[in-house]
Amino acid sequence: MANVQQDLGRNLTYGLQEVLGRAIVVGHYADRPFPNEADIVKEHGVSRSVTREAVKMLAAKGLLGARPKQGTFVLPQESWNLFDPDVLRWLLERKLSIELLRHFNELRVAVEPAAAALAASRAGTDHHAAILAGLERMRAAEQGRDETLDADIAFHVAVLRASENPFFIQFRDVVATALRTSIRFTNRMAGRSANIEDHAAVYQAIVARDAAGAHRAMGRLIGDVLSLIEGVGEQDTAA
């Protein structure tokens, strides 16, 4: 496992959180106990105060628990805060799982069509411009003038913001983090980048104030991704 002094050294507390959090999520402690404070200090060359703060931050993410006489221990995965961008990022750094991608896109298909429908009802011209900017970036990326992943993420985040719903807007960090893996993987499976016309249909419905149409268009867009993932899962099962 990496020494924290060599990883995100600009801030030792966050660096230690990064090293320990990734190690927990990728399974480094699956068959061994979590180290005590003295061992962490010795292994990573940090102070006790840095160690305590990093452990406290990981506990807040649902990764660690503590009991008298038992010390600090790794909590089961169902306790982890999967909406925390760090936890999700570490999860996606594990061996890529079709099941994890499917679960994530099942969440997307429940949230993003509803956000698109709200955007059709509530979005103003600034929101429309941001969604269009994301769409234009996707078109530019097709011609090699922008980064495909960043453009796709910009489009989806702009739709979430346009919903004017603070809970959907906070979902943007989860979407941005997970899409970096999900889009890269699904694009590779499809042998092409995201379908720009499908994204354009979402934008057009939002601008037309067609909530039902926006819901349908976004649902179709993510539904295609789910079908692709499920198809790969079936191939793996049959192999």
Protein backbone atom coordinates (compact mmCIF):
# COMPACT_ATOMS: atom_id res chain seq x y z
CA MET A 1 0.00 0.00 0.00
CA ALA A 2 1.30 3.47 -0.89
CA ASN A 3 2.93 5.67 1.72
CA VAL A 4 0.78 8.74 2.38
CA GLN A 5 3.81 11.04 2.10
CA GLN A 6 3.99 10.09 -1.59
CA ASP A 7 0.22 10.33 -2.24
CA LEU A 8 -1.59 13.69 -2.15
CA GLY A 9 1.17 15.10 -0.01
CA ARG A 10 -0.25 18.64 -0.31
CA ASN A 11 -2.48 17.78 2.65
CA LEU A 12 -1.47 14.92 4.91
CA THR A 13 -4.93 14.41 6.41
CA TYR A 14 -6.64 14.11 3.04
CA GLY A 15 -3.71 12.14 1.72
CA LEU A 16 -4.04 9.61 4.54
CA GLN A 17 -7.80 9.48 4.03
CA GLU A 18 -7.22 8.74 0.33
CA VAL A 19 -4.71 5.95 0.98
CA LEU A 20 -6.70 4.27 3.77
CA GLY A 21 -10.10 4.78 2.14
CA ARG A 22 -9.00 3.27 -1.16
CA ALA A 23 -7.38 0.35 0.69
CA ILE A 24 -10.59 -0.35 2.60
CA VAL A 25 -12.85 -0.23 -0.45
CA VAL A 26 -10.63 -2.30 -2.76
CA GLY A 27 -10.48 -5.03 -0.09
CA HIS A 28 -7.01 -4.62 1.41
CA TYR A 29 -8.47 -5.30 4.87
CA ALA A 30 -10.91 -8.00 3.81
CA ASP A 31 -8.86 -10.72 5.50
CA ARG A 32 -6.91 -8.72 8.06
CA PRO A 33 -7.75 -6.27 10.86
CA PHE A 34 -7.62 -2.53 10.33
CA PRO A 35 -4.35 -1.16 11.81
CA ASN A 36 -4.32 0.66 15.10
CA GLU A 37 -3.29 4.28 15.46
CA ALA A 38 0.33 3.51 16.34
CA ASP A 39 0.75 1.24 13.31
CA ILE A 40 -0.71 3.86 10.94
CA VAL A 41 1.60 6.52 12.34
CA LYS A 42 4.62 4.25 11.90
CA GLU A 43 3.73 2.99 8.41
CA HIS A 44 2.80 6.34 6.88
CA GLY A 45 5.05 8.71 8.79
CA VAL A 46 2.25 11.00 9.95
CA SER A 47 1.29 12.41 13.33
CA ARG A 48 -1.33 11.00 15.66
CA SER A 49 -3.51 14.07 15.14
CA VAL A 50 -3.46 13.55 11.33
CA THR A 51 -4.28 9.88 11.84
CA ARG A 52 -7.21 10.60 14.15
CA GLU A 53 -8.66 13.20 11.78
CA ALA A 54 -8.37 10.91 8.74
CA VAL A 55 -9.98 8.01 10.63
CA LYS A 56 -12.77 10.35 11.75
CA MET A 57 -13.38 11.38 8.12
CA LEU A 58 -13.54 7.73 7.01
CA ALA A 59 -15.94 6.96 9.84
CA ALA A 60 -18.19 9.78 8.60
CA LYS A 61 -18.26 8.04 5.20
CA GLY A 62 -19.48 4.85 6.87
CA LEU A 63 -16.26 2.93 6.24
CA LEU A 64 -15.01 2.59 9.81
CA GLY A 65 -16.52 1.94 13.22
CA ALA A 66 -15.05 1.77 16.71
CA ARG A 67 -15.89 0.05 19.97
CA PRO A 68 -14.26 0.11 23.39
CA LYS A 69 -11.62 -2.64 23.74
CA GLN A 70 -12.20 -3.65 20.09
CA GLY A 71 -10.68 -0.55 18.53
CA THR A 72 -11.31 0.66 14.97
CA PHE A 73 -12.65 -1.79 12.40
CA VAL A 74 -13.94 -1.81 8.82
CA LEU A 75 -17.73 -1.72 8.55
CA PRO A 76 -19.62 -3.96 6.10
CA GLN A 77 -20.28 -2.50 2.65
CA GLU A 78 -23.98 -1.91 3.34
CA SER A 79 -22.88 0.73 5.88
CA TRP A 80 -20.77 2.68 3.36
CA ASN A 81 -22.11 5.97 2.06
CA LEU A 82 -22.34 5.14 -1.64
CA PHE A 83 -23.42 8.72 -2.40
CA ASP A 84 -20.10 10.02 -1.15
CA PRO A 85 -18.03 10.81 -4.28
CA ASP A 86 -14.83 9.48 -2.68
CA VAL A 87 -16.44 6.15 -1.75
CA LEU A 88 -17.97 5.81 -5.20
CA ARG A 89 -14.65 6.66 -6.86
CA TRP A 90 -12.85 4.04 -4.77
CA LEU A 91 -15.53 1.49 -5.59
CA LEU A 92 -15.03 2.15 -9.27
CA GLU A 93 -11.29 1.62 -8.84
CA ARG A 94 -11.93 -1.98 -7.87
CA LYS A 95 -12.07 -4.62 -10.58
CA LEU A 96 -14.81 -3.22 -12.78
CA SER A 97 -18.08 -4.96 -12.07
CA ILE A 98 -20.93 -5.23 -14.56
CA GLU A 99 -23.24 -5.53 -11.56
CA LEU A 100 -21.98 -2.25 -10.09
CA LEU A 101 -22.46 -0.49 -13.44
CA ARG A 102 -25.97 -1.91 -13.68
CA HIS A 103 -26.85 -0.74 -10.16
CA PHE A 104 -25.53 2.73 -10.88
CA ASN A 105 -27.49 3.08 -14.11
CA GLU A 106 -30.63 1.75 -12.43
CA LEU A 107 -30.25 4.69 -10.06
CA ARG A 108 -29.68 7.06 -12.97
CA VAL A 109 -32.80 5.87 -14.79
CA ALA A 110 -34.81 6.56 -11.64
CA VAL A 111 -33.38 10.07 -11.09
CA GLU A 112 -32.32 11.69 -14.36
CA PRO A 113 -35.59 11.37 -16.34
CA ALA A 114 -37.39 12.99 -13.40
CA ALA A 115 -34.78 15.75 -13.34
CA ALA A 116 -35.22 16.29 -17.09
CA ALA A 117 -38.99 16.56 -16.65
CA LEU A 118 -38.54 19.16 -13.91
CA ALA A 119 -36.05 21.00 -16.11
CA ALA A 120 -38.68 21.21 -18.86
CA SER A 121 -41.03 22.87 -16.38
CA ARG A 122 -38.60 25.10 -14.51
CA ALA A 123 -35.44 25.81 -16.50
CA GLY A 124 -34.68 29.37 -17.55
CA THR A 125 -32.65 30.61 -20.48
CA ASP A 126 -29.37 30.30 -18.55
CA HIS A 127 -30.10 26.64 -17.88
CA HIS A 128 -31.05 26.08 -21.52
CA ALA A 129 -27.76 27.68 -22.56
CA ALA A 130 -25.77 25.41 -20.20
CA ILE A 131 -27.47 22.27 -21.53
CA LEU A 132 -26.89 23.40 -25.11
CA ALA A 133 -23.25 24.13 -24.28
CA GLY A 134 -22.85 20.55 -23.07
CA LEU A 135 -24.47 19.29 -26.26
CA GLU A 136 -22.21 21.47 -28.42
CA ARG A 137 -19.18 20.20 -26.52
CA MET A 138 -20.27 16.65 -27.34
CA ARG A 139 -20.47 17.56 -31.01
CA ALA A 140 -17.04 19.18 -30.81
CA ALA A 141 -15.67 16.05 -29.14
CA GLU A 142 -16.88 13.99 -32.10
CA GLN A 143 -14.51 16.07 -34.21
CA GLY A 144 -11.65 15.81 -31.72
CA ARG A 145 -12.01 19.38 -30.45
CA ASP A 146 -13.11 18.51 -26.90
CA GLU A 147 -12.88 15.67 -24.40
CA THR A 148 -15.73 13.18 -24.85
CA LEU A 149 -16.17 12.27 -21.19
CA ASP A 150 -16.07 15.86 -19.92
CA ALA A 151 -18.58 16.94 -22.57
CA ASP A 152 -21.03 14.14 -21.75
CA ILE A 153 -20.75 14.83 -18.02
CA ALA A 154 -21.29 18.58 -18.60
CA PHE A 155 -24.55 17.82 -20.43
CA HIS A 156 -25.95 15.57 -17.68
CA VAL A 157 -24.87 17.88 -14.86
CA ALA A 158 -26.49 20.85 -16.65
CA VAL A 159 -29.80 18.95 -16.80
CA LEU A 160 -29.61 18.16 -13.08
CA ARG A 161 -28.94 21.83 -12.30
CA ALA A 162 -31.83 22.88 -14.55
CA SER A 163 -34.24 20.80 -12.45
CA GLU A 164 -33.98 23.52 -9.78
CA ASN A 165 -34.34 20.72 -7.22
CA PRO A 166 -31.54 20.92 -4.62
CA PHE A 167 -31.52 17.16 -4.05
CA PHE A 168 -31.15 16.40 -7.75
CA ILE A 169 -28.52 19.13 -8.06
CA GLN A 170 -26.45 17.52 -5.28
CA PHE A 171 -26.60 14.27 -7.24
CA ARG A 172 -24.26 15.94 -9.75
CA ASP A 173 -21.09 14.88 -7.91
CA VAL A 174 -22.20 11.26 -7.88
CA VAL A 175 -23.07 11.41 -11.58
CA ALA A 176 -19.82 13.12 -12.53
CA THR A 177 -17.70 10.66 -10.53
CA ALA A 178 -19.41 7.49 -11.72
CA LEU A 179 -19.89 8.56 -15.33
CA ARG A 180 -16.13 8.80 -15.75
CA THR A 181 -16.01 5.03 -15.45
CA SER A 182 -19.48 4.15 -16.70
CA ILE A 183 -19.32 6.18 -19.93
CA ARG A 184 -15.80 5.02 -20.73
CA PHE A 185 -16.84 1.39 -20.30
CA THR A 186 -20.20 1.54 -22.07
CA ASN A 187 -18.73 3.52 -24.99
CA ARG A 188 -16.10 0.81 -25.36
CA MET A 189 -18.78 -1.90 -25.31
CA ALA A 190 -20.85 -0.05 -27.91
CA GLY A 191 -17.82 0.70 -30.07
CA ARG A 192 -18.83 4.36 -30.27
CA SER A 193 -19.27 7.47 -28.13
CA ALA A 194 -22.61 8.61 -26.71
CA ASN A 195 -25.45 9.11 -29.19
CA ILE A 196 -25.60 12.85 -29.71
CA GLU A 197 -29.05 12.81 -31.30
CA ASP A 198 -30.49 11.07 -28.23
CA HIS A 199 -28.99 13.83 -26.07
CA ALA A 200 -30.32 16.45 -28.48
CA ALA A 201 -33.82 15.01 -28.05
CA VAL A 202 -33.57 15.63 -24.29
CA TYR A 203 -32.46 19.21 -24.87
CA GLN A 204 -35.20 19.89 -27.42
CA ALA A 205 -37.91 18.56 -25.12
CA ILE A 206 -36.64 20.69 -22.22
CA VAL A 207 -36.57 23.86 -24.33
CA ALA A 208 -40.07 23.04 -25.67
CA ARG A 209 -41.33 22.76 -22.05
CA ASP A 210 -42.40 19.19 -22.83
CA ALA A 211 -41.95 17.50 -19.44
CA ALA A 212 -43.30 14.12 -20.56
CA GLY A 213 -41.13 14.21 -23.66
CA ALA A 214 -38.03 15.13 -21.66
CA HIS A 215 -38.72 12.28 -19.23
CA ARG A 216 -39.14 9.84 -22.12
CA ALA A 217 -36.05 11.03 -23.97
CA MET A 218 -33.77 10.83 -20.93
CA GLY A 219 -35.26 7.48 -19.94
CA ARG A 220 -34.60 6.12 -23.43
CA LEU A 221 -31.02 7.43 -23.36
CA ILE A 222 -30.14 5.73 -20.06
CA GLY A 223 -32.29 2.69 -20.88
CA ASP A 224 -30.08 2.03 -23.90
CA VAL A 225 -27.04 2.02 -21.60
CA LEU A 226 -28.76 -0.40 -19.23
CA SER A 227 -29.63 -2.73 -22.10
CA LEU A 228 -26.01 -2.69 -23.21
CA ILE A 229 -24.78 -3.51 -19.70
CA GLU A 230 -27.35 -6.26 -19.19
CA GLY A 231 -26.39 -7.77 -22.52
CA VAL A 232 -22.76 -8.00 -21.46
CA GLY A 233 -23.84 -9.51 -18.14
CA GLU A 234 -25.79 -12.21 -19.94
CA GLN A 235 -22.76 -13.00 -22.12
CA ASP A 236 -20.59 -13.37 -19.00
CA THR A 237 -23.17 -15.69 -17.42
CA ALA A 238 -23.34 -17.84 -20.55
CA ALA A 239 -19.55 -18.04 -20.93
